[in-house]
Amino acid sequence: MPLFENKHISGMIHLGSLDSKNLENTFQLALNDAQNLAAARVDSLLLENWNDNININDRHANMMEIGKRLKMVGLPLGVNVLPNEWRAAFQAAEAVSARFVELDVFVDEVYPPEKLEPEDIQAYRKRAECRDIEFYPMIHPKHRTMVDRTKTMLMSARQAKKYGADGVVVTGTLTGIGPDTQKLAKLRKNLGDYHIVIGSGLTAENAADLLKYADGAIVGTYLKKDGVTDNPVDYDRAVRLMKEVMKMR
């Protein structure tokens, strides 16, 4: 069964420094966040390198180390490796037996640009090690400008589906801003049971409106203390969100 069904909520684990000398502190902070999310009954965790500027090989190795250790929490894991490092994300997902990979840019030409060929990812995912790893890329991704302003979200979603994505992640323009409900409704109407995941801006207050058209969500900023991305997870906020989500199941 696909992971993002029945209003599945994946809580973000924004990893701090992945420098080896800071790794234990980064792990402890991630573990505290993960345990609070699990206690609030969030369904899965998405690991993302948020604040690091170290050697790429160290980043990948240390991300995998933290992912392996976080499995003790008992929730399914997802992986997103910034900046749009799809191969590293799948390798990390393989190493930690993650359920899914998120990718910021896949089928859309955007600015700032990302060099990527959807066919390469489609071919890579046919490897035996990747067959059980689901793939959820963003369309019209936040923090970026579409080069082709005439390309609709529906066109992007159909293209992502063509290249094997298990669903699409739909965001607002920036972190913490939700997607347009009219565009969500149009996607739902035209995509049938193809999976739609909210990728930004979900809150306890708007969950009913947004999840009406989506199969689940990836939630980060709202779950943090005072709604600030760099802060630790706020258990009470997570509980409030999940109470609203449970009403829709």
Protein backbone atom coordinates (compact mmCIF):
# COMPACT_ATOMS: atom_id res chain seq x y z
CA MET A 1 0.00 0.00 0.00
CA PRO A 2 1.37 3.48 -0.85
CA LEU A 3 2.51 5.48 2.14
CA PHE A 4 0.59 8.68 1.45
CA GLU A 5 -2.97 7.49 1.88
CA ASN A 6 -5.71 8.23 4.40
CA LYS A 7 -4.39 11.74 5.19
CA HIS A 8 -0.88 10.51 6.04
CA ILE A 9 1.23 13.12 7.84
CA SER A 10 5.01 13.10 7.56
CA GLY A 11 6.83 15.33 10.05
CA MET A 12 10.02 17.08 8.98
CA ILE A 13 13.29 16.48 10.79
CA HIS A 14 15.42 19.49 9.81
CA LEU A 15 18.95 18.31 10.49
CA GLY A 16 21.50 20.76 11.87
CA SER A 17 25.24 20.61 11.26
CA LEU A 18 26.34 17.35 9.63
CA ASP A 19 29.98 17.97 10.40
CA SER A 20 31.34 14.88 12.16
CA LYS A 21 32.45 16.85 15.22
CA ASN A 22 28.87 18.06 15.75
CA LEU A 23 27.12 14.86 14.73
CA GLU A 24 26.17 13.60 18.19
CA ASN A 25 24.53 16.90 19.08
CA THR A 26 22.71 16.95 15.75
CA PHE A 27 21.49 13.41 16.35
CA GLN A 28 20.22 14.19 19.85
CA LEU A 29 18.25 17.19 18.58
CA ALA A 30 16.82 15.08 15.74
CA LEU A 31 15.95 12.28 18.15
CA ASN A 32 14.10 14.68 20.47
CA ASP A 33 12.09 16.02 17.52
CA ALA A 34 11.36 12.52 16.24
CA GLN A 35 10.21 11.28 19.64
CA ASN A 36 7.87 14.25 20.08
CA LEU A 37 6.40 13.70 16.63
CA ALA A 38 5.93 10.00 17.31
CA ALA A 39 4.26 10.74 20.66
CA ALA A 40 1.87 13.10 18.88
CA ARG A 41 0.96 10.24 16.47
CA VAL A 42 2.54 11.68 13.33
CA ASP A 43 2.75 8.89 10.74
CA SER A 44 6.30 9.16 9.37
CA LEU A 45 9.45 11.30 9.43
CA LEU A 46 11.19 13.10 6.57
CA LEU A 47 14.91 13.76 7.06
CA GLU A 48 16.37 16.83 5.35
CA ASN A 49 19.80 18.43 5.56
CA TRP A 50 18.79 21.94 6.55
CA ASN A 51 21.80 23.75 7.99
CA ASP A 52 25.05 22.35 6.65
CA ASN A 53 27.77 23.51 4.28
CA ILE A 54 30.27 20.69 4.58
CA ASN A 55 31.94 18.30 2.16
CA ILE A 56 29.31 16.45 0.15
CA ASN A 57 30.65 12.98 1.01
CA ASP A 58 30.62 13.77 4.74
CA ARG A 59 27.11 15.15 4.46
CA HIS A 60 25.77 12.03 2.81
CA ALA A 61 27.54 9.60 5.13
CA ASN A 62 26.46 11.44 8.28
CA MET A 63 22.88 11.81 7.07
CA MET A 64 22.75 8.05 6.61
CA GLU A 65 24.22 7.50 10.07
CA ILE A 66 21.54 9.66 11.67
CA GLY A 67 18.83 7.97 9.62
CA LYS A 68 19.92 4.52 10.77
CA ARG A 69 19.91 5.60 14.41
CA LEU A 70 16.50 7.28 14.14
CA LYS A 71 14.92 3.99 13.15
CA MET A 72 14.73 3.31 16.90
CA VAL A 73 11.75 5.69 16.99
CA GLY A 74 9.73 3.15 15.02
CA LEU A 75 8.26 5.41 12.31
CA PRO A 76 8.74 5.05 8.55
CA LEU A 77 11.42 7.35 7.16
CA GLY A 78 11.69 9.55 4.10
CA VAL A 79 14.73 11.38 2.72
CA ASN A 80 15.29 14.68 0.93
CA VAL A 81 18.90 15.72 0.23
CA LEU A 82 19.41 19.37 -0.60
CA PRO A 83 20.16 20.89 -3.03
CA ASN A 84 18.10 18.51 -5.18
CA GLU A 85 20.64 15.69 -4.91
CA TRP A 86 18.37 12.91 -6.11
CA ARG A 87 20.99 10.18 -6.42
CA ALA A 88 22.27 10.79 -2.88
CA ALA A 89 18.68 10.77 -1.62
CA PHE A 90 17.96 7.36 -3.11
CA GLN A 91 21.28 5.99 -1.87
CA ALA A 92 20.50 7.24 1.64
CA ALA A 93 16.99 5.81 1.40
CA GLU A 94 18.43 2.44 0.43
CA ALA A 95 20.92 2.55 3.32
CA VAL A 96 18.31 3.33 5.99
CA SER A 97 15.43 1.30 4.46
CA ALA A 98 13.40 4.47 3.99
CA ARG A 99 9.92 4.31 2.51
CA PHE A 100 10.13 7.38 0.29
CA VAL A 101 12.23 10.10 -1.30
CA GLU A 102 11.11 13.68 -1.78
CA LEU A 103 12.72 15.87 -4.44
CA ASP A 104 12.31 19.62 -4.83
CA VAL A 105 12.64 19.78 -8.64
CA PHE A 106 11.79 17.02 -11.12
CA VAL A 107 9.90 17.87 -14.31
CA ASP A 108 9.77 21.66 -14.16
CA GLU A 109 12.29 24.07 -15.61
CA VAL A 110 12.82 26.62 -12.87
CA TYR A 111 14.94 29.53 -11.74
CA PRO A 112 17.32 29.20 -9.94
CA PRO A 113 18.02 26.32 -12.33
CA GLU A 114 18.52 22.65 -11.49
CA LYS A 115 20.21 20.31 -13.96
CA LEU A 116 18.20 17.11 -13.99
CA GLU A 117 16.80 14.66 -16.52
CA PRO A 118 13.61 12.86 -15.38
CA GLU A 119 14.59 9.86 -17.50
CA ASP A 120 17.72 9.35 -15.39
CA ILE A 121 15.70 9.07 -12.19
CA GLN A 122 13.16 6.82 -13.86
CA ALA A 123 15.95 4.47 -14.97
CA TYR A 124 17.68 4.57 -11.56
CA ARG A 125 14.48 3.61 -9.76
CA LYS A 126 14.23 0.38 -11.77
CA ARG A 127 17.20 -1.00 -9.83
CA ALA A 128 16.19 -3.73 -7.41
CA GLU A 129 17.32 -1.70 -4.39
CA CYS A 130 14.92 1.12 -5.26
CA ARG A 131 11.77 -0.74 -6.18
CA ASP A 132 10.21 -0.39 -2.73
CA ILE A 133 11.15 3.29 -2.32
CA GLU A 134 8.30 5.59 -3.23
CA PHE A 135 9.01 8.88 -4.98
CA TYR A 136 7.22 12.18 -4.38
CA PRO A 137 8.66 15.20 -6.23
CA MET A 138 7.40 18.76 -5.97
CA ILE A 139 5.68 20.43 -8.89
CA HIS A 140 5.88 24.21 -9.31
CA PRO A 141 8.23 24.08 -6.32
CA LYS A 142 8.42 26.73 -3.60
CA HIS A 143 11.35 29.18 -3.55
CA ARG A 144 11.66 28.92 -7.32
CA THR A 145 10.19 30.63 -10.37
CA MET A 146 8.76 28.67 -13.28
CA VAL A 147 10.57 29.45 -16.53
CA ASP A 148 7.52 28.49 -18.58
CA ARG A 149 4.70 30.50 -17.02
CA THR A 150 2.16 28.78 -19.29
CA LYS A 151 2.85 25.33 -17.81
CA THR A 152 0.07 24.47 -15.37
CA MET A 153 0.30 22.36 -12.23
CA LEU A 154 -1.85 19.76 -13.94
CA MET A 155 0.59 19.55 -16.85
CA SER A 156 3.47 19.12 -14.40
CA ALA A 157 1.62 16.46 -12.41
CA ARG A 158 0.83 14.44 -15.51
CA GLN A 159 4.46 14.69 -16.62
CA ALA A 160 5.67 13.52 -13.19
CA LYS A 161 3.29 10.58 -13.37
CA LYS A 162 4.58 9.74 -16.85
CA TYR A 163 8.11 9.51 -15.44
CA GLY A 164 7.09 7.18 -12.65
CA ALA A 165 6.52 9.41 -9.62
CA ASP A 166 4.16 7.81 -7.10
CA GLY A 167 2.55 11.17 -6.44
CA VAL A 168 3.30 14.88 -6.44
CA VAL A 169 4.04 17.36 -3.68
CA VAL A 170 2.18 20.64 -4.01
CA THR A 171 3.38 23.76 -2.18
CA GLY A 172 2.81 27.46 -1.85
CA THR A 173 5.41 29.95 -2.98
CA LEU A 174 7.47 29.83 0.24
CA THR A 175 8.04 27.68 3.32
CA GLY A 176 5.03 27.97 5.62
CA ILE A 177 2.65 29.15 2.88
CA GLY A 178 0.02 26.66 1.75
CA PRO A 179 -0.99 25.87 -1.83
CA ASP A 180 -3.93 27.50 -3.56
CA THR A 181 -7.08 25.50 -2.79
CA GLN A 182 -8.56 26.13 -6.25
CA LYS A 183 -5.47 24.66 -7.90
CA LEU A 184 -5.60 21.71 -5.48
CA ALA A 185 -9.24 21.10 -6.31
CA LYS A 186 -8.46 21.12 -10.04
CA LEU A 187 -5.66 18.60 -9.54
CA ARG A 188 -7.91 16.32 -7.50
CA LYS A 189 -10.67 16.48 -10.10
CA ASN A 190 -8.35 15.61 -12.98
CA LEU A 191 -5.86 13.20 -11.40
CA GLY A 192 -8.31 10.67 -9.98
CA ASP A 193 -6.64 8.56 -7.32
CA TYR A 194 -3.10 9.70 -8.16
CA HIS A 195 -1.48 10.80 -4.94
CA ILE A 196 -1.39 14.49 -4.01
CA VAL A 197 0.71 15.56 -1.02
CA ILE A 198 0.64 19.00 0.60
CA GLY A 199 4.24 20.20 0.90
CA SER A 200 3.97 23.51 2.75
CA GLY A 201 1.66 25.58 4.88
CA LEU A 202 -0.50 22.89 6.49
CA THR A 203 -1.76 23.89 9.95
CA ALA A 204 -4.35 22.66 12.42
CA GLU A 205 -6.51 25.57 11.29
CA ASN A 206 -6.48 24.85 7.54
CA ALA A 207 -6.01 21.07 7.57
CA ALA A 208 -9.67 20.34 6.78
CA ASP A 209 -9.66 22.75 3.80
CA LEU A 210 -6.39 21.51 2.28
CA LEU A 211 -6.61 17.79 3.00
CA LYS A 212 -10.04 17.70 1.40
CA TYR A 213 -8.12 17.54 -1.89
CA ALA A 214 -4.98 15.68 -0.81
CA ASP A 215 -3.92 12.24 0.38
CA GLY A 216 -1.50 13.52 2.99
CA ALA A 217 1.04 16.17 3.83
CA ILE A 218 4.65 16.85 4.71
CA VAL A 219 4.70 19.28 7.63
CA GLY A 220 7.67 21.14 9.03
CA THR A 221 7.39 24.76 10.07
CA TYR A 222 3.97 24.53 11.73
CA LEU A 223 5.20 21.75 14.01
CA LYS A 224 8.05 23.86 15.40
CA LYS A 225 7.95 26.07 18.48
CA ASP A 226 6.37 29.43 17.58
CA GLY A 227 6.14 28.24 13.96
CA VAL A 228 9.84 28.94 13.34
CA THR A 229 11.59 26.39 11.13
CA ASP A 230 14.87 26.35 13.05
CA ASN A 231 13.19 25.74 16.41
CA PRO A 232 12.59 22.33 18.03
CA VAL A 233 9.33 20.46 17.49
CA ASP A 234 6.47 21.71 19.64
CA TYR A 235 4.63 18.62 20.94
CA ASP A 236 1.42 20.56 21.62
CA ARG A 237 1.30 21.93 18.08
CA ALA A 238 1.81 18.44 16.70
CA VAL A 239 -1.02 17.10 18.85
CA ARG A 240 -3.37 19.88 17.69
CA LEU A 241 -2.62 19.10 14.06
CA MET A 242 -3.07 15.36 14.43
CA LYS A 243 -6.39 15.81 16.26
CA GLU A 244 -7.70 17.66 13.18
CA VAL A 245 -6.27 15.04 10.83
CA MET A 246 -7.84 12.19 12.78
CA LYS A 247 -11.28 13.73 12.22
CA MET A 248 -10.81 13.18 8.47
CA ARG A 249 -9.81 9.53 8.67
